[in-house]
C-alpha atoms as a PDB file:
ATOM      1  CA  MET A   1      27.742 -35.037  -0.307  1.00  0.00           C
ATOM      2  CA  ASN A   2      28.849 -32.797  -2.818  1.00  0.00           C
ATOM      3  CA  ASP A   3      28.534 -28.892  -3.048  1.00  0.00           C
ATOM      4  CA  ARG A   4      25.800 -29.242  -5.646  1.00  0.00           C
ATOM      5  CA  GLY A   5      23.766 -31.473  -3.642  1.00  0.00           C
ATOM      6  CA  ARG A   6      23.750 -28.776  -0.925  1.00  0.00           C
ATOM      7  CA  ILE A   7      22.522 -25.770  -3.473  1.00  0.00           C
ATOM      8  CA  ASP A   8      19.669 -28.129  -5.299  1.00  0.00           C
ATOM      9  CA  ARG A   9      18.370 -28.743  -1.326  1.00  0.00           C
ATOM     10  CA  ARG A  10      18.811 -25.081  -0.393  1.00  0.00           C
ATOM     11  CA  PHE A  11      17.568 -23.462  -3.774  1.00  0.00           C
ATOM     12  CA  VAL A  12      14.455 -26.241  -3.394  1.00  0.00           C
ATOM     13  CA  ALA A  13      13.717 -25.002   0.500  1.00  0.00           C
ATOM     14  CA  LEU A  14      13.892 -21.534  -1.015  1.00  0.00           C
ATOM     15  CA  PHE A  15      11.681 -22.096  -3.590  1.00  0.00           C
ATOM     16  CA  ALA A  16       9.128 -23.706  -1.112  1.00  0.00           C
ATOM     17  CA  ALA A  17       9.569 -20.328   1.310  1.00  0.00           C
ATOM     18  CA  LEU A  18       8.874 -18.370  -1.426  1.00  0.00           C
ATOM     19  CA  VAL A  19       5.569 -19.934  -2.421  1.00  0.00           C
ATOM     20  CA  CYS A  20       4.436 -19.910   0.982  1.00  0.00           C
ATOM     21  CA  LEU A  21       4.807 -16.452   1.562  1.00  0.00           C
ATOM     22  CA  VAL A  22       3.278 -15.400  -2.281  1.00  0.00           C
ATOM     23  CA  LEU A  23       0.045 -17.540  -0.942  1.00  0.00           C
ATOM     24  CA  GLY A  24       0.349 -16.724   2.217  1.00  0.00           C
ATOM     25  CA  GLY A  25      -0.208 -12.962   0.914  1.00  0.00           C
ATOM     26  CA  VAL A  26      -2.981 -13.355  -1.748  1.00  0.00           C
ATOM     27  CA  ALA A  27      -4.949 -15.036   0.804  1.00  0.00           C
ATOM     28  CA  GLN A  28      -4.622 -12.292   3.562  1.00  0.00           C
ATOM     29  CA  ALA A  29      -5.176  -9.636   0.672  1.00  0.00           C
ATOM     30  CA  GLN A  30      -8.046 -11.417  -0.038  1.00  0.00           C
ATOM     31  CA  SER A  31      -9.096 -11.473   3.823  1.00  0.00           C
ATOM     32  CA  THR A  32      -8.853  -7.799   4.807  1.00  0.00           C
ATOM     33  CA  ALA A  33     -11.069  -6.527   2.186  1.00  0.00           C
ATOM     34  CA  VAL A  34     -13.890  -4.795   4.486  1.00  0.00           C
ATOM     35  CA  ILE A  35     -17.551  -4.173   2.865  1.00  0.00           C
ATOM     36  CA  PRO A  36     -19.499  -1.560   4.619  1.00  0.00           C
ATOM     37  CA  PRO A  37     -22.755  -2.178   5.478  1.00  0.00           C
ATOM     38  CA  ILE A  38     -25.889  -1.069   2.976  1.00  0.00           C
ATOM     39  CA  PRO A  39     -26.479   2.799   3.661  1.00  0.00           C
ATOM     40  CA  VAL A  40     -29.425   3.452   5.284  1.00  0.00           C
ATOM     41  CA  GLY A  41     -32.118   3.513   2.778  1.00  0.00           C
ATOM     42  CA  GLN A  42     -30.936   1.164   0.226  1.00  0.00           C
ATOM     43  CA  ALA A  43     -30.566  -2.063  -1.572  1.00  0.00           C
ATOM     44  CA  ARG A  44     -27.551  -4.091  -2.430  1.00  0.00           C
ATOM     45  CA  ILE A  45     -27.052  -5.788  -5.982  1.00  0.00           C
ATOM     46  CA  TRP A  46     -23.766  -8.154  -5.878  1.00  0.00           C
ATOM     47  CA  VAL A  47     -22.914  -9.001  -9.388  1.00  0.00           C
ATOM     48  CA  TYR A  48     -20.331 -12.250  -9.713  1.00  0.00           C
ATOM     49  CA  ARG A  49     -18.642 -14.794 -12.350  1.00  0.00           C
ATOM     50  CA  ASP A  50     -17.279 -17.903 -11.726  1.00  0.00           C
ATOM     51  CA  ILE A  51     -14.017 -19.261 -13.667  1.00  0.00           C
ATOM     52  CA  GLN A  52     -14.423 -20.564 -17.014  1.00  0.00           C
ATOM     53  CA  THR A  53     -11.299 -22.053 -18.396  1.00  0.00           C
ATOM     54  CA  SER A  54     -13.048 -23.211 -22.003  1.00  0.00           C
ATOM     55  CA  ALA A  55     -14.523 -19.571 -22.104  1.00  0.00           C
ATOM     56  CA  LEU A  56     -13.296 -16.712 -24.818  1.00  0.00           C
ATOM     57  CA  PRO A  57     -11.750 -13.684 -23.148  1.00  0.00           C
ATOM     58  CA  THR A  58     -14.545 -11.117 -22.989  1.00  0.00           C
ATOM     59  CA  VAL A  59     -15.512  -9.225 -20.216  1.00  0.00           C
ATOM     60  CA  PRO A  60     -18.869  -7.968 -20.591  1.00  0.00           C
ATOM     61  CA  LEU A  61     -20.557  -4.939 -19.378  1.00  0.00           C
ATOM     62  CA  VAL A  62     -23.555  -5.301 -16.672  1.00  0.00           C
ATOM     63  CA  ARG A  63     -26.535  -3.219 -16.667  1.00  0.00           C
ATOM     64  CA  PHE A  64     -29.073  -2.364 -14.241  1.00  0.00           C
ATOM     65  CA  ASN A  65     -32.359  -0.690 -15.592  1.00  0.00           C
ATOM     66  CA  GLY A  66     -29.536   0.391 -18.818  1.00  0.00           C
ATOM     67  CA  ALA A  67     -27.390   2.187 -16.747  1.00  0.00           C
ATOM     68  CA  ILE A  68     -23.878   0.590 -16.543  1.00  0.00           C
ATOM     69  CA  ALA A  69     -23.449  -1.272 -13.182  1.00  0.00           C
ATOM     70  CA  GLY A  70     -20.074  -2.538 -14.078  1.00  0.00           C
ATOM     71  CA  ALA A  71     -17.440  -4.763 -16.038  1.00  0.00           C
ATOM     72  CA  SER A  72     -17.796  -8.496 -15.404  1.00  0.00           C
ATOM     73  CA  TYR A  73     -14.410 -10.363 -15.208  1.00  0.00           C
ATOM     74  CA  GLN A  74     -13.617 -14.122 -14.694  1.00  0.00           C
ATOM     75  CA  GLY A  75     -13.363 -14.972 -10.767  1.00  0.00           C
ATOM     76  CA  GLY A  76     -14.666 -11.595  -9.975  1.00  0.00           C
ATOM     77  CA  THR A  77     -17.291 -10.074  -8.227  1.00  0.00           C
ATOM     78  CA  PHE A  78     -18.529  -6.410  -7.460  1.00  0.00           C
ATOM     79  CA  TYR A  79     -21.312  -4.830  -5.748  1.00  0.00           C
ATOM     80  CA  ARG A  80     -23.526  -1.870  -6.653  1.00  0.00           C
ATOM     81  CA  ASP A  81     -25.726  -0.037  -3.839  1.00  0.00           C
ATOM     82  CA  VAL A  82     -28.972   1.359  -5.327  1.00  0.00           C
ATOM     83  CA  PRO A  83     -32.120   2.591  -4.226  1.00  0.00           C
ATOM     84  CA  PRO A  84     -34.864   0.325  -3.731  1.00  0.00           C
ATOM     85  CA  GLY A  85     -37.111  -0.362  -6.174  1.00  0.00           C
ATOM     86  CA  PRO A  86     -37.479  -2.926  -9.307  1.00  0.00           C
ATOM     87  CA  TYR A  87     -34.429  -3.832 -11.596  1.00  0.00           C
ATOM     88  CA  HIS A  88     -33.933  -5.351 -14.870  1.00  0.00           C
ATOM     89  CA  ILE A  89     -30.656  -6.955 -15.040  1.00  0.00           C
ATOM     90  CA  THR A  90     -29.152  -7.103 -18.383  1.00  0.00           C
ATOM     91  CA  VAL A  91     -25.253  -7.859 -19.830  1.00  0.00           C
ATOM     92  CA  ASP A  92     -23.789  -6.856 -22.730  1.00  0.00           C
ATOM     93  CA  SER A  93     -24.350  -9.584 -25.295  1.00  0.00           C
ATOM     94  CA  ILE A  94     -23.529 -10.098 -28.928  1.00  0.00           C
ATOM     95  CA  GLY A  95     -25.013 -13.608 -28.958  1.00  0.00           C
ATOM     96  CA  GLN A  96     -28.756 -13.578 -28.610  1.00  0.00           C
ATOM     97  CA  ASP A  97     -31.150 -16.401 -26.539  1.00  0.00           C
ATOM     98  CA  VAL A  98     -33.962 -16.810 -24.138  1.00  0.00           C
ATOM     99  CA  ASN A  99     -33.695 -15.989 -20.552  1.00  0.00           C
ATOM    100  CA  GLN A 100     -30.455 -13.659 -20.590  1.00  0.00           C
ATOM    101  CA  ASP A 101     -31.562 -11.536 -17.884  1.00  0.00           C
ATOM    102  CA  SER A 102     -33.145 -11.099 -15.091  1.00  0.00           C
ATOM    103  CA  TYR A 103     -36.019  -9.071 -12.710  1.00  0.00           C
ATOM    104  CA  VAL A 104     -35.571  -8.098  -8.919  1.00  0.00           C
ATOM    105  CA  THR A 105     -37.418  -5.810  -6.427  1.00  0.00           C
ATOM    106  CA  LEU A 106     -35.531  -4.827  -3.640  1.00  0.00           C
ATOM    107  CA  ALA A 107     -36.360  -2.941   0.137  1.00  0.00           C
ATOM    108  CA  ALA A 108     -34.297  -0.940   1.551  1.00  0.00           C
ATOM    109  CA  GLY A 109     -31.235  -3.054   3.490  1.00  0.00           C
ATOM    110  CA  GLN A 110     -31.935  -6.176   0.733  1.00  0.00           C
ATOM    111  CA  GLN A 111     -29.384  -7.949  -1.029  1.00  0.00           C
ATOM    112  CA  ALA A 112     -29.418  -9.690  -4.820  1.00  0.00           C
ATOM    113  CA  TYR A 113     -27.068 -12.081  -6.101  1.00  0.00           C
ATOM    114  CA  VAL A 114     -26.701 -12.254  -9.629  1.00  0.00           C
ATOM    115  CA  GLN A 115     -24.147 -14.825 -11.587  1.00  0.00           C
ATOM    116  CA  ILE A 116     -22.921 -14.124 -15.137  1.00  0.00           C
ATOM    117  CA  GLN A 117     -22.802 -17.014 -17.139  1.00  0.00           C
ATOM    118  CA  GLN A 118     -21.004 -17.872 -20.416  1.00  0.00           C
ATOM    119  CA  LEU A 119     -21.883 -19.707 -23.062  1.00  0.00           C
ATOM    120  CA  ASP A 120     -19.411 -19.927 -25.959  1.00  0.00           C
ATOM    121  CA  ASN A 121     -20.347 -21.249 -29.844  1.00  0.00           C
ATOM    122  CA  TRP A 122     -23.998 -22.135 -29.601  1.00  0.00           C
ATOM    123  CA  ASP A 123     -24.506 -21.741 -32.637  1.00  0.00           C
ATOM    124  CA  GLU A 124     -23.987 -24.811 -34.381  1.00  0.00           C
ATOM    125  CA  GLU A 125     -23.447 -23.780 -37.561  1.00  0.00           C
ATOM    126  CA  PRO A 126     -19.809 -25.527 -38.996  1.00  0.00           C
ATOM    127  CA  TYR A 127     -16.453 -23.306 -39.187  1.00  0.00           C
ATOM    128  CA  GLN A 128     -18.797 -19.724 -38.334  1.00  0.00           C
ATOM    129  CA  PRO A 129     -16.800 -18.179 -35.626  1.00  0.00           C
ATOM    130  CA  THR A 130     -19.064 -17.201 -32.759  1.00  0.00           C
ATOM    131  CA  SER A 131     -18.990 -14.655 -30.171  1.00  0.00           C
ATOM    132  CA  PRO A 132     -19.874 -15.512 -26.886  1.00  0.00           C
ATOM    133  CA  THR A 133     -23.505 -15.425 -25.309  1.00  0.00           C
ATOM    134  CA  PHE A 134     -23.933 -13.748 -21.625  1.00  0.00           C
ATOM    135  CA  TYR A 135     -26.302 -14.834 -18.992  1.00  0.00           C
ATOM    136  CA  ALA A 136     -27.432 -12.447 -15.963  1.00  0.00           C
ATOM    137  CA  TRP A 137     -29.190 -14.848 -13.320  1.00  0.00           C
ATOM    138  CA  LEU A 138     -30.555 -13.828 -10.222  1.00  0.00           C
ATOM    139  CA  ARG A 139     -29.329 -16.479  -7.630  1.00  0.00           C
ATOM    140  CA  PRO A 140     -30.854 -17.936  -4.102  1.00  0.00           C
ATOM    141  CA  PRO A 141     -28.641 -15.899  -1.265  1.00  0.00           C
ATOM    142  CA  ALA A 142     -27.131 -18.758   0.194  1.00  0.00           C
ATOM    143  CA  MET A 143     -25.710 -19.815  -3.435  1.00  0.00           C
ATOM    144  CA  GLY A 144     -24.533 -16.059  -4.375  1.00  0.00           C
ATOM    145  CA  TYR A 145     -22.784 -15.697  -0.592  1.00  0.00           C
ATOM    146  CA  GLY A 146     -20.842 -18.106  -0.840  1.00  0.00           C
ATOM    147  CA  ALA A 147     -19.757 -17.657  -4.832  1.00  0.00           C
ATOM    148  CA  VAL A 148     -19.016 -14.143  -3.390  1.00  0.00           C
ATOM    149  CA  LEU A 149     -16.985 -15.170  -1.286  1.00  0.00           C
ATOM    150  CA  ARG A 150     -14.531 -17.168  -3.020  1.00  0.00           C
ATOM    151  CA  SER A 151     -14.180 -14.657  -6.181  1.00  0.00           C
ATOM    152  CA  THR A 152     -11.732 -11.859  -6.234  1.00  0.00           C
ATOM    153  CA  PHE A 153     -13.562  -8.832  -4.720  1.00  0.00           C
ATOM    154  CA  TYR A 154     -13.405  -5.379  -7.705  1.00  0.00           C
ATOM    155  CA  GLY A 155     -14.739  -3.065  -5.448  1.00  0.00           C
ATOM    156  CA  GLY A 156     -18.638  -1.553  -4.821  1.00  0.00           C
ATOM    157  CA  GLY A 157     -20.281   1.441  -4.070  1.00  0.00           C
ATOM    158  CA  PRO A 158     -23.200   2.892  -5.541  1.00  0.00           C
ATOM    159  CA  LEU A 159     -24.428   2.931  -8.683  1.00  0.00           C
ATOM    160  CA  GLN A 160     -23.107   6.343 -10.617  1.00  0.00           C
ATOM    161  CA  ALA A 161     -25.123   6.170 -13.972  1.00  0.00           C
ATOM    162  CA  ALA A 162     -28.475   7.860 -13.777  1.00  0.00           C
ATOM    163  CA  ILE A 163     -31.482   4.886 -14.133  1.00  0.00           C
ATOM    164  CA  ARG A 164     -33.251   4.816 -16.886  1.00  0.00           C
END
């Protein structure tokens, strides 16, 4: 076998090892995020957004009772600890449609899961560029928890803005 064949095999082996290290590091980084328990007397609202490969690259703001809670990135999740009570959850959207928001009332210690959905080009007028329409939908805990585990964690903590 010539030297070129040995170099190619070494390169392939080195590349495979590098890929394994990178993927292992990514998996380890995501699994090391420690989520603190819900503070006493508080509730927690999780916000997540699945990856939509065909979606326009837009990052809308999510609001709880009008206060900015965070930005919703594709494939990402975040949480906010909030006082118990009723919450109107909305997501900024240029496109207007029905059922774009959610309402939830939480007691201390409860959690809610909100999925942000994006619909591009629902305006059927031809040749008109449109902006995406966003939806904030309340999801059952079993569905939301699983989605949060598969998402990239962008942090959490108390809702910093004043609630209107």
